[in-house]
Amino acid sequence: MGLLPANPIFIYICKMTERTATIQELQQFFNERKLGLPKEIQLGQAVRIIDVPKFIENHISVLQQPDLKGTNDVFLLRLLKLKEVIESGNI
């Protein structure tokens, strides 16, 4: 018995389900740390966030909108990087 051919609709639904779960996990992570978040943070060599709570709010808001072309991926990547920096304690 061979593998089923890749169904683009099924792949899209799986990707969106994973993305939704990731966004929800990020919301929970940042909500749990809301009071302990720094006001500013250096996210990378050339990226400085000057209002971390607003950054999180705006990025989550963008990610909650439909993303049919994958253009919102950069917002997800930035939030994941912010989470990584916070977890590492390098703030």
Protein backbone atom coordinates (compact mmCIF):
# COMPACT_ATOMS: atom_id res chain seq x y z
CA MET A 1 0.00 0.00 0.00
CA GLY A 2 1.57 3.27 -1.13
CA LEU A 3 1.42 6.70 0.35
CA LEU A 4 -1.53 8.90 -0.45
CA PRO A 5 -0.73 11.73 -2.86
CA ALA A 6 -0.23 15.08 -1.20
CA ASN A 7 -3.54 16.93 -1.11
CA PRO A 8 -2.86 20.68 -1.17
CA ILE A 9 -6.01 21.44 0.84
CA PHE A 10 -5.07 18.89 3.51
CA ILE A 11 -1.51 20.28 3.69
CA TYR A 12 -2.88 23.83 4.00
CA ILE A 13 -5.28 22.80 6.81
CA CYS A 14 -2.44 21.06 8.67
CA LYS A 15 -0.19 24.09 8.30
CA MET A 16 -2.92 26.45 9.52
CA THR A 17 -3.72 24.16 12.48
CA GLU A 18 -0.05 24.08 13.49
CA ARG A 19 0.22 27.84 13.02
CA THR A 20 -2.90 28.47 15.14
CA ALA A 21 -1.54 26.25 17.92
CA THR A 22 1.80 28.07 17.80
CA ILE A 23 0.12 31.47 17.97
CA GLN A 24 -1.97 30.34 20.95
CA GLU A 25 1.14 29.02 22.70
CA LEU A 26 2.90 32.35 22.11
CA GLN A 27 -0.09 34.29 23.44
CA GLN A 28 -0.09 32.15 26.56
CA PHE A 29 3.69 32.52 27.00
CA PHE A 30 3.59 36.32 26.74
CA ASN A 31 0.41 36.66 28.84
CA GLU A 32 2.03 34.65 31.65
CA ARG A 33 5.01 37.03 31.61
CA LYS A 34 3.14 40.27 30.93
CA LEU A 35 4.21 41.94 34.17
CA GLY A 36 7.83 40.84 33.86
CA LEU A 37 8.41 41.88 30.26
CA PRO A 38 11.05 44.51 29.66
CA LYS A 39 10.00 47.80 28.11
CA GLU A 40 12.79 47.56 25.49
CA ILE A 41 14.83 44.66 24.18
CA GLN A 42 17.52 43.99 21.59
CA LEU A 43 16.10 41.23 19.38
CA GLY A 44 19.06 40.95 17.07
CA GLN A 45 22.09 42.84 15.89
CA ALA A 46 19.99 45.32 13.91
CA VAL A 47 16.59 44.91 15.60
CA ARG A 48 15.69 46.82 18.74
CA ILE A 49 12.15 46.71 20.10
CA ILE A 50 11.40 49.94 21.97
CA ASP A 51 7.91 48.93 23.23
CA VAL A 52 7.82 45.17 23.86
CA PRO A 53 4.15 44.94 24.99
CA LYS A 54 2.99 46.91 21.92
CA PHE A 55 5.23 44.80 19.66
CA ILE A 56 3.65 41.61 21.00
CA GLU A 57 0.11 43.00 20.73
CA ASN A 58 0.63 44.16 17.13
CA HIS A 59 2.34 40.98 15.97
CA ILE A 60 -0.31 38.70 17.53
CA SER A 61 -3.02 40.84 15.91
CA VAL A 62 -1.43 40.43 12.48
CA LEU A 63 -1.08 36.67 12.98
CA GLN A 64 -4.76 36.31 13.83
CA GLN A 65 -5.65 37.56 10.35
CA PRO A 66 -5.91 35.14 7.41
CA ASP A 67 -2.56 34.62 5.70
CA LEU A 68 -3.12 33.04 2.32
CA LYS A 69 0.33 33.73 0.88
CA GLY A 70 2.60 33.20 3.88
CA THR A 71 3.41 36.89 4.10
CA ASN A 72 2.77 36.96 7.84
CA ASP A 73 5.48 34.40 8.58
CA VAL A 74 7.97 37.15 9.47
CA PHE A 75 5.69 38.24 12.33
CA LEU A 76 5.62 34.69 13.69
CA LEU A 77 9.39 34.40 13.37
CA ARG A 78 9.93 37.66 15.28
CA LEU A 79 7.68 36.52 18.12
CA LEU A 80 9.46 33.17 18.28
CA LYS A 81 12.81 35.00 18.42
CA LEU A 82 11.52 37.28 21.19
CA LYS A 83 10.37 34.23 23.16
CA GLU A 84 13.80 32.63 22.68
CA VAL A 85 15.59 35.77 23.92
CA ILE A 86 13.32 36.05 26.97
CA GLU A 87 13.73 32.37 27.84
CA SER A 88 17.50 32.61 27.53
CA GLY A 89 17.60 35.49 30.01
CA ASN A 90 19.62 37.66 27.61
CA ILE A 91 17.52 40.75 28.10
